[in-house]
């Protein structure tokens, strides 16, 4: 997950900062006042961070349920712990799937043929 956060900061650091500043500045109205900045951040991560895009594609129902729960329970967000746990489990599953895919790609890539050092000896 640290690698994903590094990717988000690398590619979308400006959007993260702008959104965070907006949320901090609009304590009571950030959901509406910062909506455009949130969309820009989402687009940036979807365009540049594969894991975030895959999480959004695979976990959208859990994301929606969690956001809905938070909106309905603003005074006591702890009510949403079960939906947060479901979202967490989904994102972890996507992360594990991506790790396996990357490991298979790396294994396939190294098994594809001779390395450049071997090829230069031939």
C-alpha atoms as a PDB file:
ATOM      1  CA  UNK A   1       0.000   0.000   0.000  1.00  0.00           C
ATOM      2  CA  UNK A   2       2.943   2.342   0.624  1.00  0.00           C
ATOM      3  CA  UNK A   3       3.959   1.928  -3.008  1.00  0.00           C
ATOM      4  CA  UNK A   4       0.456   2.978  -4.086  1.00  0.00           C
ATOM      5  CA  UNK A   5       0.572   6.064  -1.869  1.00  0.00           C
ATOM      6  CA  UNK A   6       3.967   6.910  -3.358  1.00  0.00           C
ATOM      7  CA  UNK A   7       2.478   6.593  -6.858  1.00  0.00           C
ATOM      8  CA  UNK A   8      -0.480   8.797  -5.919  1.00  0.00           C
ATOM      9  CA  UNK A   9       1.854  11.450  -4.488  1.00  0.00           C
ATOM     10  CA  UNK A  10       4.185  11.221  -7.475  1.00  0.00           C
ATOM     11  CA  UNK A  11       1.484  11.621 -10.122  1.00  0.00           C
ATOM     12  CA  UNK A  12      -1.281  13.452  -8.254  1.00  0.00           C
ATOM     13  CA  UNK A  13       0.428  15.304  -5.416  1.00  0.00           C
ATOM     14  CA  UNK A  14      -0.954  18.670  -6.501  1.00  0.00           C
ATOM     15  CA  UNK A  15      -4.502  17.309  -6.591  1.00  0.00           C
ATOM     16  CA  UNK A  16      -4.094  15.637  -3.186  1.00  0.00           C
ATOM     17  CA  UNK A  17      -2.823  18.891  -1.673  1.00  0.00           C
ATOM     18  CA  UNK A  18      -5.582  21.013  -3.231  1.00  0.00           C
ATOM     19  CA  UNK A  19      -8.316  18.617  -2.082  1.00  0.00           C
ATOM     20  CA  UNK A  20      -6.891  18.310   1.441  1.00  0.00           C
ATOM     21  CA  UNK A  21      -6.595  22.094   1.754  1.00  0.00           C
ATOM     22  CA  UNK A  22     -10.170  22.551   0.570  1.00  0.00           C
ATOM     23  CA  UNK A  23     -11.492  19.974   3.055  1.00  0.00           C
ATOM     24  CA  UNK A  24      -9.546  21.652   5.880  1.00  0.00           C
ATOM     25  CA  UNK A  25     -10.910  25.062   4.898  1.00  0.00           C
ATOM     26  CA  UNK A  26     -14.557  23.984   4.611  1.00  0.00           C
ATOM     27  CA  UNK A  27     -15.209  21.932   7.724  1.00  0.00           C
ATOM     28  CA  UNK A  28     -18.982  21.829   7.368  1.00  0.00           C
ATOM     29  CA  UNK A  29     -19.440  22.148   3.603  1.00  0.00           C
ATOM     30  CA  UNK A  30     -16.456  20.281   2.147  1.00  0.00           C
ATOM     31  CA  UNK A  31     -18.633  17.634   0.465  1.00  0.00           C
ATOM     32  CA  UNK A  32     -20.111  20.229  -1.878  1.00  0.00           C
ATOM     33  CA  UNK A  33     -17.419  22.915  -1.864  1.00  0.00           C
ATOM     34  CA  UNK A  34     -14.637  20.457  -2.715  1.00  0.00           C
ATOM     35  CA  UNK A  35     -16.541  18.160  -5.094  1.00  0.00           C
ATOM     36  CA  UNK A  36     -14.725  19.371  -8.225  1.00  0.00           C
ATOM     37  CA  UNK A  37     -11.330  18.926  -6.590  1.00  0.00           C
ATOM     38  CA  UNK A  38     -12.334  15.423  -5.539  1.00  0.00           C
ATOM     39  CA  UNK A  39     -13.314  14.614  -9.132  1.00  0.00           C
ATOM     40  CA  UNK A  40      -9.960  15.928 -10.366  1.00  0.00           C
ATOM     41  CA  UNK A  41      -8.119  13.774  -7.824  1.00  0.00           C
ATOM     42  CA  UNK A  42     -10.154  10.701  -8.764  1.00  0.00           C
ATOM     43  CA  UNK A  43      -9.476  11.255 -12.466  1.00  0.00           C
ATOM     44  CA  UNK A  44      -5.772  11.714 -11.830  1.00  0.00           C
ATOM     45  CA  UNK A  45      -5.491   8.510  -9.805  1.00  0.00           C
ATOM     46  CA  UNK A  46      -7.574   6.565 -12.331  1.00  0.00           C
ATOM     47  CA  UNK A  47      -5.349   7.812 -15.160  1.00  0.00           C
ATOM     48  CA  UNK A  48      -2.012   7.282 -13.400  1.00  0.00           C
ATOM     49  CA  UNK A  49      -2.244   4.727 -10.587  1.00  0.00           C
ATOM     50  CA  UNK A  50      -3.272   1.267 -11.775  1.00  0.00           C
ATOM     51  CA  UNK A  51      -4.105  -0.096  -8.330  1.00  0.00           C
ATOM     52  CA  UNK A  52      -6.440   2.805  -7.573  1.00  0.00           C
ATOM     53  CA  UNK A  53      -8.237   2.284 -10.869  1.00  0.00           C
ATOM     54  CA  UNK A  54      -8.571  -1.439 -10.184  1.00  0.00           C
ATOM     55  CA  UNK A  55      -9.893  -0.776  -6.672  1.00  0.00           C
ATOM     56  CA  UNK A  56     -12.482   1.612  -8.066  1.00  0.00           C
ATOM     57  CA  UNK A  57     -13.525  -0.901 -10.718  1.00  0.00           C
ATOM     58  CA  UNK A  58     -13.747  -3.846  -8.336  1.00  0.00           C
ATOM     59  CA  UNK A  59     -14.854  -2.224  -5.081  1.00  0.00           C
ATOM     60  CA  UNK A  60     -17.249   0.512  -6.221  1.00  0.00           C
ATOM     61  CA  UNK A  61     -20.289  -1.041  -4.477  1.00  0.00           C
ATOM     62  CA  UNK A  62     -18.386  -1.076  -1.154  1.00  0.00           C
ATOM     63  CA  UNK A  63     -17.117   2.466  -1.742  1.00  0.00           C
ATOM     64  CA  UNK A  64     -20.672   3.647  -2.396  1.00  0.00           C
ATOM     65  CA  UNK A  65     -22.038   1.866   0.700  1.00  0.00           C
ATOM     66  CA  UNK A  66     -19.334   3.336   2.906  1.00  0.00           C
ATOM     67  CA  UNK A  67     -19.829   6.881   1.579  1.00  0.00           C
ATOM     68  CA  UNK A  68     -23.584   6.554   1.992  1.00  0.00           C
ATOM     69  CA  UNK A  69     -23.172   5.307   5.543  1.00  0.00           C
ATOM     70  CA  UNK A  70     -20.890   8.231   6.397  1.00  0.00           C
ATOM     71  CA  UNK A  71     -23.377  10.714   4.970  1.00  0.00           C
ATOM     72  CA  UNK A  72     -26.234   9.197   6.979  1.00  0.00           C
ATOM     73  CA  UNK A  73     -24.202   8.972  10.187  1.00  0.00           C
ATOM     74  CA  UNK A  74     -22.192  12.182  10.260  1.00  0.00           C
ATOM     75  CA  UNK A  75     -22.599  12.533  14.007  1.00  0.00           C
ATOM     76  CA  UNK A  76     -21.430   8.971  14.699  1.00  0.00           C
ATOM     77  CA  UNK A  77     -19.286   7.578  11.864  1.00  0.00           C
ATOM     78  CA  UNK A  78     -18.283   4.614  14.045  1.00  0.00           C
ATOM     79  CA  UNK A  79     -21.611   3.093  12.955  1.00  0.00           C
ATOM     80  CA  UNK A  80     -19.924   2.531   9.576  1.00  0.00           C
ATOM     81  CA  UNK A  81     -17.151   0.253  10.829  1.00  0.00           C
ATOM     82  CA  UNK A  82     -18.655  -2.847   9.192  1.00  0.00           C
ATOM     83  CA  UNK A  83     -18.929  -1.159   5.801  1.00  0.00           C
ATOM     84  CA  UNK A  84     -15.387   0.191   6.200  1.00  0.00           C
ATOM     85  CA  UNK A  85     -14.168  -3.327   6.997  1.00  0.00           C
ATOM     86  CA  UNK A  86     -15.887  -4.640   3.840  1.00  0.00           C
ATOM     87  CA  UNK A  87     -14.233  -1.913   1.781  1.00  0.00           C
ATOM     88  CA  UNK A  88     -10.859  -2.647   3.352  1.00  0.00           C
ATOM     89  CA  UNK A  89     -11.180  -6.368   2.590  1.00  0.00           C
ATOM     90  CA  UNK A  90     -12.070  -5.598  -1.012  1.00  0.00           C
ATOM     91  CA  UNK A  91      -9.114  -3.254  -1.478  1.00  0.00           C
ATOM     92  CA  UNK A  92      -6.753  -5.762   0.123  1.00  0.00           C
ATOM     93  CA  UNK A  93      -8.042  -8.460  -2.228  1.00  0.00           C
ATOM     94  CA  UNK A  94      -7.432  -6.228  -5.247  1.00  0.00           C
ATOM     95  CA  UNK A  95      -3.949  -5.421  -3.945  1.00  0.00           C
ATOM     96  CA  UNK A  96      -3.121  -9.104  -3.538  1.00  0.00           C
ATOM     97  CA  UNK A  97      -4.445  -9.840  -7.030  1.00  0.00           C
ATOM     98  CA  UNK A  98      -2.265  -7.050  -8.480  1.00  0.00           C
ATOM     99  CA  UNK A  99       0.795  -8.357  -6.614  1.00  0.00           C
ATOM    100  CA  UNK A 100       0.234 -11.849  -8.030  1.00  0.00           C
ATOM    101  CA  UNK A 101      -0.233 -10.454 -11.534  1.00  0.00           C
ATOM    102  CA  UNK A 102       2.959  -8.401 -11.244  1.00  0.00           C
ATOM    103  CA  UNK A 103       4.885 -11.424  -9.944  1.00  0.00           C
ATOM    104  CA  UNK A 104       3.626 -13.518 -12.868  1.00  0.00           C
ATOM    105  CA  UNK A 105       4.587 -10.791 -15.333  1.00  0.00           C
ATOM    106  CA  UNK A 106       8.065 -10.559 -13.824  1.00  0.00           C
ATOM    107  CA  UNK A 107       8.478 -14.328 -13.878  1.00  0.00           C
ATOM    108  CA  UNK A 108       7.236 -14.526 -17.467  1.00  0.00           C
ATOM    109  CA  UNK A 109       9.479 -11.623 -18.487  1.00  0.00           C
ATOM    110  CA  UNK A 110      12.618 -13.301 -17.099  1.00  0.00           C
ATOM    111  CA  UNK A 111      11.631 -16.646 -18.640  1.00  0.00           C
ATOM    112  CA  UNK A 112      10.957 -15.064 -22.052  1.00  0.00           C
ATOM    113  CA  UNK A 113      14.422 -15.431 -23.401  1.00  0.00           C
ATOM    114  CA  UNK A 114      18.093 -14.896 -22.867  1.00  0.00           C
ATOM    115  CA  UNK A 115      19.254 -11.848 -21.034  1.00  0.00           C
ATOM    116  CA  UNK A 116      21.185  -9.231 -22.964  1.00  0.00           C
ATOM    117  CA  UNK A 117      24.457 -10.523 -21.468  1.00  0.00           C
ATOM    118  CA  UNK A 118      23.721 -14.050 -22.698  1.00  0.00           C
ATOM    119  CA  UNK A 119      22.576 -12.799 -26.080  1.00  0.00           C
ATOM    120  CA  UNK A 120      25.790 -10.819 -26.613  1.00  0.00           C
ATOM    121  CA  UNK A 121      27.884 -13.983 -26.108  1.00  0.00           C
ATOM    122  CA  UNK A 122      26.057 -15.841 -28.871  1.00  0.00           C
END
